[in-house]
Amino acid sequence: MAKDYKARVAEVDEYALRLKELVPTAMSAFGQLARESQVPNALDRKTKELIALAIGVKAQCDACIGYHARGALRAGATRQEVAEAVMVSIQMGGGPAINYAADALRAFDQFAEHEPRTQAAE
């Protein structure tokens, strides 16, 4: 059965809010770290999202793949750029990474059906 990454992201979002009620300081600190990590500087946001997506593949993290496939799309990444980024995961992760790399492309396609892509900052 194919994974539904939009549903997976929604599930994690729901429980992340519950977790934030229990440990608000820690969750706020992580949220700040996540936001600051994505601020464009020497690397633009699209590049950072593609790196995060590739790491999500290597970590075999379905939610990470969902969040960063959506983030890559929103940052202006193309399907070809996603494929090339996850290819690095395959290089670093061997055969098992192929399964998650295929899932990363599937997640990007699922979000692309309904999410607008912005122009990447040049």
PDB file of N, CA and C in Angstrom:
ATOM      1  N   MET A   1       0.843  -1.180   0.000  1.00  0.00           N
ATOM      2  CA  MET A   1       0.000   0.000   0.000  1.00  0.00           C
ATOM      3  C   MET A   1       0.890   1.246   0.000  1.00  0.00           C
ATOM      4  N   ALA A   2       0.564   2.187  -0.841  1.00  0.00           N
ATOM      5  CA  ALA A   2       1.337   3.427  -0.931  1.00  0.00           C
ATOM      6  C   ALA A   2       1.125   4.267   0.326  1.00  0.00           C
ATOM      7  N   LYS A   3       2.171   4.947   0.713  1.00  0.00           N
ATOM      8  CA  LYS A   3       2.097   5.812   1.882  1.00  0.00           C
ATOM      9  C   LYS A   3       1.450   7.131   1.496  1.00  0.00           C
ATOM     10  N   ASP A   4       0.643   7.668   2.387  1.00  0.00           N
ATOM     11  CA  ASP A   4       0.007   8.964   2.183  1.00  0.00           C
ATOM     12  C   ASP A   4       0.750   9.976   3.055  1.00  0.00           C
ATOM     13  N   TYR A   5       1.653  10.722   2.451  1.00  0.00           N
ATOM     14  CA  TYR A   5       2.496  11.632   3.205  1.00  0.00           C
ATOM     15  C   TYR A   5       1.741  12.838   3.723  1.00  0.00           C
ATOM     16  N   LYS A   6       0.709  13.266   3.017  1.00  0.00           N
ATOM     17  CA  LYS A   6      -0.092  14.374   3.519  1.00  0.00           C
ATOM     18  C   LYS A   6      -0.786  13.964   4.813  1.00  0.00           C
ATOM     19  N   ALA A   7      -1.295  12.736   4.864  1.00  0.00           N
ATOM     20  CA  ALA A   7      -1.923  12.235   6.093  1.00  0.00           C
ATOM     21  C   ALA A   7      -0.888  12.057   7.195  1.00  0.00           C
ATOM     22  N   ARG A   8       0.312  11.588   6.838  1.00  0.00           N
ATOM     23  CA  ARG A   8       1.360  11.375   7.841  1.00  0.00           C
ATOM     24  C   ARG A   8       1.767  12.695   8.493  1.00  0.00           C
ATOM     25  N   VAL A   9       1.921  13.743   7.695  1.00  0.00           N
ATOM     26  CA  VAL A   9       2.264  15.056   8.236  1.00  0.00           C
ATOM     27  C   VAL A   9       1.151  15.553   9.160  1.00  0.00           C
ATOM     28  N   ALA A  10      -0.097  15.367   8.751  1.00  0.00           N
ATOM     29  CA  ALA A  10      -1.223  15.793   9.590  1.00  0.00           C
ATOM     30  C   ALA A  10      -1.239  15.035  10.919  1.00  0.00           C
ATOM     31  N   GLU A  11      -0.944  13.736  10.882  1.00  0.00           N
ATOM     32  CA  GLU A  11      -0.903  12.935  12.118  1.00  0.00           C
ATOM     33  C   GLU A  11       0.179  13.447  13.062  1.00  0.00           C
ATOM     34  N   VAL A  12       1.353  13.708  12.532  1.00  0.00           N
ATOM     35  CA  VAL A  12       2.452  14.191  13.365  1.00  0.00           C
ATOM     36  C   VAL A  12       2.119  15.579  13.912  1.00  0.00           C
ATOM     37  N   ASP A  13       1.560  16.448  13.076  1.00  0.00           N
ATOM     38  CA  ASP A  13       1.175  17.780  13.533  1.00  0.00           C
ATOM     39  C   ASP A  13       0.224  17.692  14.728  1.00  0.00           C
ATOM     40  N   GLU A  14      -0.757  16.808  14.645  1.00  0.00           N
ATOM     41  CA  GLU A  14      -1.741  16.657  15.722  1.00  0.00           C
ATOM     42  C   GLU A  14      -1.058  16.284  17.044  1.00  0.00           C
ATOM     43  N   TYR A  15      -0.180  15.307  16.996  1.00  0.00           N
ATOM     44  CA  TYR A  15       0.465  14.869  18.227  1.00  0.00           C
ATOM     45  C   TYR A  15       1.596  15.788  18.664  1.00  0.00           C
ATOM     46  N   ALA A  16       2.175  16.522  17.750  1.00  0.00           N
ATOM     47  CA  ALA A  16       3.180  17.510  18.142  1.00  0.00           C
ATOM     48  C   ALA A  16       2.528  18.602  18.985  1.00  0.00           C
ATOM     49  N   LEU A  17       1.304  18.971  18.646  1.00  0.00           N
ATOM     50  CA  LEU A  17       0.579  19.957  19.455  1.00  0.00           C
ATOM     51  C   LEU A  17       0.304  19.409  20.845  1.00  0.00           C
ATOM     52  N   ARG A  18      -0.045  18.142  20.930  1.00  0.00           N
ATOM     53  CA  ARG A  18      -0.268  17.518  22.237  1.00  0.00           C
ATOM     54  C   ARG A  18       1.033  17.459  23.036  1.00  0.00           C
ATOM     55  N   LEU A  19       2.117  17.147  22.358  1.00  0.00           N
ATOM     56  CA  LEU A  19       3.415  17.099  23.018  1.00  0.00           C
ATOM     57  C   LEU A  19       3.818  18.496  23.506  1.00  0.00           C
ATOM     58  N   LYS A  20       3.506  19.514  22.705  1.00  0.00           N
ATOM     59  CA  LYS A  20       3.839  20.891  23.087  1.00  0.00           C
ATOM     60  C   LYS A  20       3.096  21.303  24.355  1.00  0.00           C
ATOM     61  N   GLU A  21       1.883  20.773  24.563  1.00  0.00           N
ATOM     62  CA  GLU A  21       1.147  21.060  25.795  1.00  0.00           C
ATOM     63  C   GLU A  21       1.875  20.476  27.006  1.00  0.00           C
ATOM     64  N   LEU A  22       2.537  19.345  26.828  1.00  0.00           N
ATOM     65  CA  LEU A  22       3.215  18.667  27.926  1.00  0.00           C
ATOM     66  C   LEU A  22       4.613  19.212  28.189  1.00  0.00           C
ATOM     67  N   VAL A  23       5.328  19.573  27.136  1.00  0.00           N
ATOM     68  CA  VAL A  23       6.703  20.084  27.269  1.00  0.00           C
ATOM     69  C   VAL A  23       6.859  21.336  26.397  1.00  0.00           C
ATOM     70  N   PRO A  24       6.194  22.408  26.783  1.00  0.00           N
ATOM     71  CA  PRO A  24       6.165  23.595  25.921  1.00  0.00           C
ATOM     72  C   PRO A  24       7.529  24.244  25.695  1.00  0.00           C
ATOM     73  N   THR A  25       8.363  24.289  26.702  1.00  0.00           N
ATOM     74  CA  THR A  25       9.652  24.954  26.540  1.00  0.00           C
ATOM     75  C   THR A  25      10.536  24.203  25.555  1.00  0.00           C
ATOM     76  N   ALA A  26      10.608  22.887  25.705  1.00  0.00           N
ATOM     77  CA  ALA A  26      11.441  22.080  24.811  1.00  0.00           C
ATOM     78  C   ALA A  26      10.925  22.139  23.379  1.00  0.00           C
ATOM     79  N   MET A  27       9.618  22.035  23.203  1.00  0.00           N
ATOM     80  CA  MET A  27       9.061  22.070  21.850  1.00  0.00           C
ATOM     81  C   MET A  27       9.240  23.450  21.218  1.00  0.00           C
ATOM     82  N   SER A  28       9.105  24.499  22.005  1.00  0.00           N
ATOM     83  CA  SER A  28       9.332  25.844  21.472  1.00  0.00           C
ATOM     84  C   SER A  28      10.788  26.032  21.065  1.00  0.00           C
ATOM     85  N   ALA A  29      11.693  25.482  21.867  1.00  0.00           N
ATOM     86  CA  ALA A  29      13.116  25.583  21.539  1.00  0.00           C
ATOM     87  C   ALA A  29      13.422  24.843  20.241  1.00  0.00           C
ATOM     88  N   PHE A  30      12.847  23.654  20.076  1.00  0.00           N
ATOM     89  CA  PHE A  30      13.072  22.925  18.831  1.00  0.00           C
ATOM     90  C   PHE A  30      12.479  23.689  17.653  1.00  0.00           C
ATOM     91  N   GLY A  31      11.284  24.253  17.834  1.00  0.00           N
ATOM     92  CA  GLY A  31      10.657  25.033  16.766  1.00  0.00           C
ATOM     93  C   GLY A  31      11.526  26.208  16.354  1.00  0.00           C
ATOM     94  N   GLN A  32      12.122  26.881  17.340  1.00  0.00           N
ATOM     95  CA  GLN A  32      13.020  28.000  17.045  1.00  0.00           C
ATOM     96  C   GLN A  32      14.247  27.515  16.277  1.00  0.00           C
ATOM     97  N   LEU A  33      14.817  26.386  16.707  1.00  0.00           N
ATOM     98  CA  LEU A  33      15.966  25.811  16.008  1.00  0.00           C
ATOM     99  C   LEU A  33      15.595  25.478  14.558  1.00  0.00           C
ATOM    100  N   ALA A  34      14.436  24.866  14.368  1.00  0.00           N
ATOM    101  CA  ALA A  34      13.997  24.498  13.023  1.00  0.00           C
ATOM    102  C   ALA A  34      13.822  25.740  12.146  1.00  0.00           C
ATOM    103  N   ARG A  35      13.202  26.769  12.690  1.00  0.00           N
ATOM    104  CA  ARG A  35      13.000  28.003  11.908  1.00  0.00           C
ATOM    105  C   ARG A  35      14.334  28.667  11.564  1.00  0.00           C
ATOM    106  N   GLU A  36      15.213  28.766  12.542  1.00  0.00           N
ATOM    107  CA  GLU A  36      16.511  29.407  12.320  1.00  0.00           C
ATOM    108  C   GLU A  36      17.367  28.617  11.327  1.00  0.00           C
ATOM    109  N   SER A  37      17.254  27.305  11.357  1.00  0.00           N
ATOM    110  CA  SER A  37      18.028  26.466  10.438  1.00  0.00           C
ATOM    111  C   SER A  37      17.630  26.677   8.987  1.00  0.00           C
ATOM    112  N   GLN A  38      16.412  27.125   8.750  1.00  0.00           N
ATOM    113  CA  GLN A  38      15.905  27.306   7.394  1.00  0.00           C
ATOM    114  C   GLN A  38      16.066  28.732   6.867  1.00  0.00           C
ATOM    115  N   VAL A  39      16.561  29.638   7.693  1.00  0.00           N
ATOM    116  CA  VAL A  39      16.754  31.023   7.241  1.00  0.00           C
ATOM    117  C   VAL A  39      17.829  31.047   6.151  1.00  0.00           C
ATOM    118  N   PRO A  40      17.515  31.634   5.013  1.00  0.00           N
ATOM    119  CA  PRO A  40      18.513  31.712   3.942  1.00  0.00           C
ATOM    120  C   PRO A  40      19.726  32.539   4.370  1.00  0.00           C
ATOM    121  N   ASN A  41      20.876  32.034   4.044  1.00  0.00           N
ATOM    122  CA  ASN A  41      22.116  32.746   4.296  1.00  0.00           C
ATOM    123  C   ASN A  41      23.053  32.334   3.167  1.00  0.00           C
ATOM    124  N   ALA A  42      24.143  31.627   3.465  1.00  0.00           N
ATOM    125  CA  ALA A  42      25.019  31.144   2.395  1.00  0.00           C
ATOM    126  C   ALA A  42      24.290  30.115   1.541  1.00  0.00           C
ATOM    127  N   LEU A  43      23.375  29.363   2.161  1.00  0.00           N
ATOM    128  CA  LEU A  43      22.525  28.411   1.430  1.00  0.00           C
ATOM    129  C   LEU A  43      21.107  28.960   1.395  1.00  0.00           C
ATOM    130  N   ASP A  44      20.451  28.864   0.250  1.00  0.00           N
ATOM    131  CA  ASP A  44      19.064  29.302   0.169  1.00  0.00           C
ATOM    132  C   ASP A  44      18.136  28.254   0.781  1.00  0.00           C
ATOM    133  N   ARG A  45      16.898  28.637   0.982  1.00  0.00           N
ATOM    134  CA  ARG A  45      15.929  27.748   1.638  1.00  0.00           C
ATOM    135  C   ARG A  45      15.714  26.465   0.839  1.00  0.00           C
ATOM    136  N   LYS A  46      15.658  26.565  -0.472  1.00  0.00           N
ATOM    137  CA  LYS A  46      15.445  25.373  -1.299  1.00  0.00           C
ATOM    138  C   LYS A  46      16.563  24.362  -1.081  1.00  0.00           C
ATOM    139  N   THR A  47      17.790  24.823  -1.079  1.00  0.00           N
ATOM    140  CA  THR A  47      18.934  23.924  -0.861  1.00  0.00           C
ATOM    141  C   THR A  47      18.837  23.270   0.510  1.00  0.00           C
ATOM    142  N   LYS A  48      18.485  24.046   1.515  1.00  0.00           N
ATOM    143  CA  LYS A  48      18.360  23.501   2.864  1.00  0.00           C
ATOM    144  C   LYS A  48      17.254  22.454   2.933  1.00  0.00           C
ATOM    145  N   GLU A  49      16.147  22.690   2.263  1.00  0.00           N
ATOM    146  CA  GLU A  49      15.048  21.704   2.255  1.00  0.00           C
ATOM    147  C   GLU A  49      15.470  20.433   1.525  1.00  0.00           C
ATOM    148  N   LEU A  50      16.208  20.567   0.448  1.00  0.00           N
ATOM    149  CA  LEU A  50      16.686  19.382  -0.278  1.00  0.00           C
ATOM    150  C   LEU A  50      17.671  18.581   0.580  1.00  0.00           C
ATOM    151  N   ILE A  51      18.519  19.272   1.334  1.00  0.00           N
ATOM    152  CA  ILE A  51      19.423  18.577   2.254  1.00  0.00           C
ATOM    153  C   ILE A  51      18.609  17.840   3.316  1.00  0.00           C
ATOM    154  N   ALA A  52      17.637  18.530   3.892  1.00  0.00           N
ATOM    155  CA  ALA A  52      16.803  17.904   4.925  1.00  0.00           C
ATOM    156  C   ALA A  52      16.040  16.703   4.368  1.00  0.00           C
ATOM    157  N   LEU A  53      15.562  16.810   3.140  1.00  0.00           N
ATOM    158  CA  LEU A  53      14.861  15.691   2.515  1.00  0.00           C
ATOM    159  C   LEU A  53      15.800  14.501   2.333  1.00  0.00           C
ATOM    160  N   ALA A  54      17.003  14.768   1.861  1.00  0.00           N
ATOM    161  CA  ALA A  54      17.983  13.695   1.674  1.00  0.00           C
ATOM    162  C   ALA A  54      18.325  13.034   3.009  1.00  0.00           C
ATOM    163  N   ILE A  55      18.451  13.815   4.054  1.00  0.00           N
ATOM    164  CA  ILE A  55      18.722  13.250   5.380  1.00  0.00           C
ATOM    165  C   ILE A  55      17.518  12.451   5.867  1.00  0.00           C
ATOM    166  N   GLY A  56      16.314  12.925   5.596  1.00  0.00           N
ATOM    167  CA  GLY A  56      15.102  12.180   5.955  1.00  0.00           C
ATOM    168  C   GLY A  56      15.070  10.816   5.294  1.00  0.00           C
ATOM    169  N   VAL A  57      15.511  10.751   4.042  1.00  0.00           N
ATOM    170  CA  VAL A  57      15.595   9.469   3.339  1.00  0.00           C
ATOM    171  C   VAL A  57      16.604   8.567   4.042  1.00  0.00           C
ATOM    172  N   LYS A  58      17.782   9.093   4.306  1.00  0.00           N
ATOM    173  CA  LYS A  58      18.824   8.299   4.961  1.00  0.00           C
ATOM    174  C   LYS A  58      18.388   7.827   6.340  1.00  0.00           C
ATOM    175  N   ALA A  59      17.638   8.673   7.067  1.00  0.00           N
ATOM    176  CA  ALA A  59      17.160   8.324   8.407  1.00  0.00           C
ATOM    177  C   ALA A  59      15.927   7.424   8.361  1.00  0.00           C
ATOM    178  N   GLN A  60      15.376   7.214   7.161  1.00  0.00           N
ATOM    179  CA  GLN A  60      14.166   6.410   6.968  1.00  0.00           C
ATOM    180  C   GLN A  60      13.018   6.934   7.835  1.00  0.00           C
ATOM    181  N   CYS A  61      12.831   8.241   7.793  1.00  0.00           N
ATOM    182  CA  CYS A  61      11.827   8.936   8.600  1.00  0.00           C
ATOM    183  C   CYS A  61      10.691   9.406   7.700  1.00  0.00           C
ATOM    184  N   ASP A  62       9.563   8.714   7.759  1.00  0.00           N
ATOM    185  CA  ASP A  62       8.427   9.063   6.906  1.00  0.00           C
ATOM    186  C   ASP A  62       7.957  10.499   7.119  1.00  0.00           C
ATOM    187  N   ALA A  63       7.846  10.911   8.371  1.00  0.00           N
ATOM    188  CA  ALA A  63       7.382  12.274   8.639  1.00  0.00           C
ATOM    189  C   ALA A  63       8.387  13.291   8.115  1.00  0.00           C
ATOM    190  N   CYS A  64       9.684  13.024   8.288  1.00  0.00           N
ATOM    191  CA  CYS A  64      10.715  13.939   7.773  1.00  0.00           C
ATOM    192  C   CYS A  64      10.591  14.069   6.254  1.00  0.00           C
ATOM    193  N   ILE A  65      10.389  12.943   5.602  1.00  0.00           N
ATOM    194  CA  ILE A  65      10.221  12.953   4.144  1.00  0.00           C
ATOM    195  C   ILE A  65       9.021  13.801   3.770  1.00  0.00           C
ATOM    196  N   GLY A  66       7.913  13.622   4.458  1.00  0.00           N
ATOM    197  CA  GLY A  66       6.714  14.403   4.166  1.00  0.00           C
ATOM    198  C   GLY A  66       6.926  15.893   4.357  1.00  0.00           C
ATOM    199  N   TYR A  67       7.445  16.268   5.530  1.00  0.00           N
ATOM    200  CA  TYR A  67       7.655  17.691   5.810  1.00  0.00           C
ATOM    201  C   TYR A  67       8.609  18.329   4.814  1.00  0.00           C
ATOM    202  N   HIS A  68       9.706  17.652   4.503  1.00  0.00           N
ATOM    203  CA  HIS A  68      10.720  18.292   3.670  1.00  0.00           C
ATOM    204  C   HIS A  68      10.443  18.150   2.179  1.00  0.00           C
ATOM    205  N   ALA A  69       9.641  17.179   1.763  1.00  0.00           N
ATOM    206  CA  ALA A  69       9.158  17.154   0.376  1.00  0.00           C
ATOM    207  C   ALA A  69       8.244  18.356   0.159  1.00  0.00           C
ATOM    208  N   ARG A  70       7.342  18.579   1.112  1.00  0.00           N
ATOM    209  CA  ARG A  70       6.454  19.745   1.029  1.00  0.00           C
ATOM    210  C   ARG A  70       7.272  21.036   1.094  1.00  0.00           C
ATOM    211  N   GLY A  71       8.242  21.092   2.007  1.00  0.00           N
ATOM    212  CA  GLY A  71       9.078  22.280   2.124  1.00  0.00           C
ATOM    213  C   GLY A  71       9.872  22.558   0.855  1.00  0.00           C
ATOM    214  N   ALA A  72      10.403  21.492   0.242  1.00  0.00           N
ATOM    215  CA  ALA A  72      11.159  21.660  -1.002  1.00  0.00           C
ATOM    216  C   ALA A  72      10.259  22.210  -2.105  1.00  0.00           C
ATOM    217  N   LEU A  73       9.053  21.685  -2.194  1.00  0.00           N
ATOM    218  CA  LEU A  73       8.106  22.186  -3.192  1.00  0.00           C
ATOM    219  C   LEU A  73       7.805  23.656  -2.951  1.00  0.00           C
ATOM    220  N   ARG A  74       7.501  23.998  -1.713  1.00  0.00           N
ATOM    221  CA  ARG A  74       7.165  25.382  -1.381  1.00  0.00           C
ATOM    222  C   ARG A  74       8.338  26.331  -1.618  1.00  0.00           C
ATOM    223  N   ALA A  75       9.551  25.802  -1.518  1.00  0.00           N
ATOM    224  CA  ALA A  75      10.745  26.624  -1.746  1.00  0.00           C
ATOM    225  C   ALA A  75      11.128  26.707  -3.219  1.00  0.00           C
ATOM    226  N   GLY A  76      10.364  26.046  -4.088  1.00  0.00           N
ATOM    227  CA  GLY A  76      10.603  26.153  -5.522  1.00  0.00           C
ATOM    228  C   GLY A  76      11.374  25.016  -6.141  1.00  0.00           C
ATOM    229  N   ALA A  77      11.594  23.928  -5.397  1.00  0.00           N
ATOM    230  CA  ALA A  77      12.335  22.790  -5.956  1.00  0.00           C
ATOM    231  C   ALA A  77      11.544  22.125  -7.071  1.00  0.00           C
ATOM    232  N   THR A  78      12.271  21.579  -8.009  1.00  0.00           N
ATOM    233  CA  THR A  78      11.649  20.821  -9.093  1.00  0.00           C
ATOM    234  C   THR A  78      11.723  19.328  -8.775  1.00  0.00           C
ATOM    235  N   ARG A  79      10.974  18.565  -9.496  1.00  0.00           N
ATOM    236  CA  ARG A  79      11.000  17.112  -9.347  1.00  0.00           C
ATOM    237  C   ARG A  79      12.398  16.572  -9.646  1.00  0.00           C
ATOM    238  N   GLN A  80      13.068  17.134 -10.640  1.00  0.00           N
ATOM    239  CA  GLN A  80      14.424  16.709 -10.991  1.00  0.00           C
ATOM    240  C   GLN A  80      15.389  17.002  -9.845  1.00  0.00           C
ATOM    241  N   GLU A  81      15.262  18.158  -9.217  1.00  0.00           N
ATOM    242  CA  GLU A  81      16.131  18.494  -8.089  1.00  0.00           C
ATOM    243  C   GLU A  81      15.911  17.536  -6.920  1.00  0.00           C
ATOM    244  N   VAL A  82      14.659  17.173  -6.667  1.00  0.00           N
ATOM    245  CA  VAL A  82      14.365  16.186  -5.615  1.00  0.00           C
ATOM    246  C   VAL A  82      15.033  14.859  -5.949  1.00  0.00           C
ATOM    247  N   ALA A  83      14.904  14.420  -7.190  1.00  0.00           N
ATOM    248  CA  ALA A  83      15.500  13.146  -7.600  1.00  0.00           C
ATOM    249  C   ALA A  83      17.012  13.163  -7.419  1.00  0.00           C
ATOM    250  N   GLU A  84      17.660  14.263  -7.779  1.00  0.00           N
ATOM    251  CA  GLU A  84      19.112  14.338  -7.644  1.00  0.00           C
ATOM    252  C   GLU A  84      19.537  14.412  -6.176  1.00  0.00           C
ATOM    253  N   ALA A  85      18.773  15.111  -5.344  1.00  0.00           N
ATOM    254  CA  ALA A  85      19.102  15.194  -3.923  1.00  0.00           C
ATOM    255  C   ALA A  85      18.970  13.833  -3.250  1.00  0.00           C
ATOM    256  N   VAL A  86      17.899  13.111  -3.555  1.00  0.00           N
ATOM    257  CA  VAL A  86      17.726  11.806  -2.901  1.00  0.00           C
ATOM    258  C   VAL A  86      18.692  10.772  -3.465  1.00  0.00           C
ATOM    259  N   MET A  87      19.224  11.028  -4.648  1.00  0.00           N
ATOM    260  CA  MET A  87      20.250  10.130  -5.187  1.00  0.00           C
ATOM    261  C   MET A  87      21.494  10.154  -4.300  1.00  0.00           C
ATOM    262  N   VAL A  88      21.788  11.299  -3.707  1.00  0.00           N
ATOM    263  CA  VAL A  88      22.910  11.385  -2.771  1.00  0.00           C
ATOM    264  C   VAL A  88      22.625  10.505  -1.552  1.00  0.00           C
ATOM    265  N   SER A  89      21.367  10.452  -1.123  1.00  0.00           N
ATOM    266  CA  SER A  89      20.996   9.552  -0.015  1.00  0.00           C
ATOM    267  C   SER A  89      21.245   8.100  -0.378  1.00  0.00           C
ATOM    268  N   ILE A  90      20.934   7.752  -1.606  1.00  0.00           N
ATOM    269  CA  ILE A  90      21.179   6.381  -2.058  1.00  0.00           C
ATOM    270  C   ILE A  90      22.671   6.093  -2.049  1.00  0.00           C
ATOM    271  N   GLN A  91      23.457   7.045  -2.533  1.00  0.00           N
ATOM    272  CA  GLN A  91      24.913   6.895  -2.510  1.00  0.00           C
ATOM    273  C   GLN A  91      25.391   6.652  -1.085  1.00  0.00           C
ATOM    274  N   MET A  92      24.879   7.418  -0.133  1.00  0.00           N
ATOM    275  CA  MET A  92      25.337   7.335   1.249  1.00  0.00           C
ATOM    276  C   MET A  92      24.665   6.199   2.027  1.00  0.00           C
ATOM    277  N   GLY A  93      23.505   5.747   1.568  1.00  0.00           N
ATOM    278  CA  GLY A  93      22.751   4.755   2.334  1.00  0.00           C
ATOM    279  C   GLY A  93      22.661   3.379   1.709  1.00  0.00           C
ATOM    280  N   GLY A  94      23.132   3.242   0.494  1.00  0.00           N
ATOM    281  CA  GLY A  94      23.075   1.939  -0.156  1.00  0.00           C
ATOM    282  C   GLY A  94      21.662   1.571  -0.585  1.00  0.00           C
ATOM    283  N   GLY A  95      21.489   0.292  -0.849  1.00  0.00           N
ATOM    284  CA  GLY A  95      20.222  -0.224  -1.383  1.00  0.00           C
ATOM    285  C   GLY A  95      18.983   0.140  -0.593  1.00  0.00           C
ATOM    286  N   PRO A  96      18.974   0.018   0.756  1.00  0.00           N
ATOM    287  CA  PRO A  96      17.756   0.349   1.488  1.00  0.00           C
ATOM    288  C   PRO A  96      17.292   1.788   1.275  1.00  0.00           C
ATOM    289  N   ALA A  97      18.222   2.693   0.992  1.00  0.00           N
ATOM    290  CA  ALA A  97      17.846   4.085   0.778  1.00  0.00           C
ATOM    291  C   ALA A  97      17.025   4.257  -0.498  1.00  0.00           C
ATOM    292  N   ILE A  98      17.143   3.339  -1.449  1.00  0.00           N
ATOM    293  CA  ILE A  98      16.362   3.448  -2.685  1.00  0.00           C
ATOM    294  C   ILE A  98      14.872   3.460  -2.372  1.00  0.00           C
ATOM    295  N   ASN A  99      14.442   2.612  -1.424  1.00  0.00           N
ATOM    296  CA  ASN A  99      13.023   2.562  -1.066  1.00  0.00           C
ATOM    297  C   ASN A  99      12.540   3.908  -0.537  1.00  0.00           C
ATOM    298  N   TYR A 100      13.327   4.518   0.335  1.00  0.00           N
ATOM    299  CA  TYR A 100      12.930   5.797   0.899  1.00  0.00           C
ATOM    300  C   TYR A 100      13.109   6.936  -0.090  1.00  0.00           C
ATOM    301  N   ALA A 101      14.064   6.829  -0.986  1.00  0.00           N
ATOM    302  CA  ALA A 101      14.219   7.838  -2.032  1.00  0.00           C
ATOM    303  C   ALA A 101      12.998   7.836  -2.949  1.00  0.00           C
ATOM    304  N   ALA A 102      12.507   6.647  -3.287  1.00  0.00           N
ATOM    305  CA  ALA A 102      11.279   6.556  -4.083  1.00  0.00           C
ATOM    306  C   ALA A 102      10.114   7.177  -3.321  1.00  0.00           C
ATOM    307  N   ASP A 103      10.071   6.945  -1.999  1.00  0.00           N
ATOM    308  CA  ASP A 103       9.018   7.538  -1.183  1.00  0.00           C
ATOM    309  C   ASP A 103       9.134   9.059  -1.134  1.00  0.00           C
ATOM    310  N   ALA A 104      10.352   9.590  -1.111  1.00  0.00           N
ATOM    311  CA  ALA A 104      10.533  11.042  -1.102  1.00  0.00           C
ATOM    312  C   ALA A 104       9.967  11.659  -2.383  1.00  0.00           C
ATOM    313  N   LEU A 105      10.194  11.000  -3.508  1.00  0.00           N
ATOM    314  CA  LEU A 105       9.649  11.488  -4.769  1.00  0.00           C
ATOM    315  C   LEU A 105       8.127  11.388  -4.755  1.00  0.00           C
ATOM    316  N   ARG A 106       7.594  10.295  -4.202  1.00  0.00           N
ATOM    317  CA  ARG A 106       6.138  10.122  -4.090  1.00  0.00           C
ATOM    318  C   ARG A 106       5.546  11.225  -3.210  1.00  0.00           C
ATOM    319  N   ALA A 107       6.199  11.540  -2.077  1.00  0.00           N
ATOM    320  CA  ALA A 107       5.712  12.584  -1.187  1.00  0.00           C
ATOM    321  C   ALA A 107       5.696  13.933  -1.906  1.00  0.00           C
ATOM    322  N   PHE A 108       6.771  14.248  -2.638  1.00  0.00           N
ATOM    323  CA  PHE A 108       6.831  15.498  -3.392  1.00  0.00           C
ATOM    324  C   PHE A 108       5.673  15.557  -4.390  1.00  0.00           C
ATOM    325  N   ASP A 109       5.426  14.462  -5.106  1.00  0.00           N
ATOM    326  CA  ASP A 109       4.339  14.427  -6.089  1.00  0.00           C
ATOM    327  C   ASP A 109       2.972  14.611  -5.427  1.00  0.00           C
ATOM    328  N   GLN A 110       2.779  13.993  -4.253  1.00  0.00           N
ATOM    329  CA  GLN A 110       1.501  14.140  -3.551  1.00  0.00           C
ATOM    330  C   GLN A 110       1.249  15.589  -3.168  1.00  0.00           C
ATOM    331  N   PHE A 111       2.264  16.253  -2.634  1.00  0.00           N
ATOM    332  CA  PHE A 111       2.086  17.650  -2.263  1.00  0.00           C
ATOM    333  C   PHE A 111       1.959  18.535  -3.496  1.00  0.00           C
ATOM    334  N   ALA A 112       2.645  18.207  -4.573  1.00  0.00           N
ATOM    335  CA  ALA A 112       2.610  19.017  -5.792  1.00  0.00           C
ATOM    336  C   ALA A 112       1.222  19.047  -6.420  1.00  0.00           C
ATOM    337  N   GLU A 113       0.411  18.049  -6.131  1.00  0.00           N
ATOM    338  CA  GLU A 113      -0.946  18.024  -6.694  1.00  0.00           C
ATOM    339  C   GLU A 113      -1.803  19.175  -6.174  1.00  0.00           C
ATOM    340  N   HIS A 114      -1.502  19.663  -4.964  1.00  0.00           N
ATOM    341  CA  HIS A 114      -2.383  20.659  -4.349  1.00  0.00           C
ATOM    342  C   HIS A 114      -1.671  21.883  -3.793  1.00  0.00           C
ATOM    343  N   GLU A 115      -0.357  21.877  -3.759  1.00  0.00           N
ATOM    344  CA  GLU A 115       0.399  22.980  -3.162  1.00  0.00           C
ATOM    345  C   GLU A 115       1.046  23.810  -4.262  1.00  0.00           C
ATOM    346  N   PRO A 116       1.002  25.122  -4.124  1.00  0.00           N
ATOM    347  CA  PRO A 116       1.709  25.964  -5.094  1.00  0.00           C
ATOM    348  C   PRO A 116       3.208  25.950  -4.834  1.00  0.00           C
ATOM    349  N   ARG A 117       3.965  26.029  -5.881  1.00  0.00           N
ATOM    350  CA  ARG A 117       5.428  26.144  -5.765  1.00  0.00           C
ATOM    351  C   ARG A 117       5.789  27.611  -5.919  1.00  0.00           C
ATOM    352  N   THR A 118       6.632  28.108  -5.037  1.00  0.00           N
ATOM    353  CA  THR A 118       7.101  29.481  -5.156  1.00  0.00           C
ATOM    354  C   THR A 118       8.382  29.497  -5.957  1.00  0.00           C
ATOM    355  N   GLN A 119       8.731  30.658  -6.416  1.00  0.00           N
ATOM    356  CA  GLN A 119       9.986  30.807  -7.159  1.00  0.00           C
ATOM    357  C   GLN A 119      11.140  30.785  -6.168  1.00  0.00           C
ATOM    358  N   ALA A 120      12.170  30.064  -6.486  1.00  0.00           N
ATOM    359  CA  ALA A 120      13.347  30.002  -5.626  1.00  0.00           C
ATOM    360  C   ALA A 120      14.082  31.330  -5.668  1.00  0.00           C
ATOM    361  N   ALA A 121      14.602  31.710  -4.521  1.00  0.00           N
ATOM    362  CA  ALA A 121      15.420  32.924  -4.456  1.00  0.00           C
ATOM    363  C   ALA A 121      16.741  32.662  -5.174  1.00  0.00           C
ATOM    364  N   GLU A 122      17.135  33.557  -6.014  1.00  0.00           N
ATOM    365  CA  GLU A 122      18.363  33.365  -6.782  1.00  0.00           C
ATOM    366  C   GLU A 122      19.440  34.262  -6.257  1.00  0.00           C
TER     367      GLU A 122
END
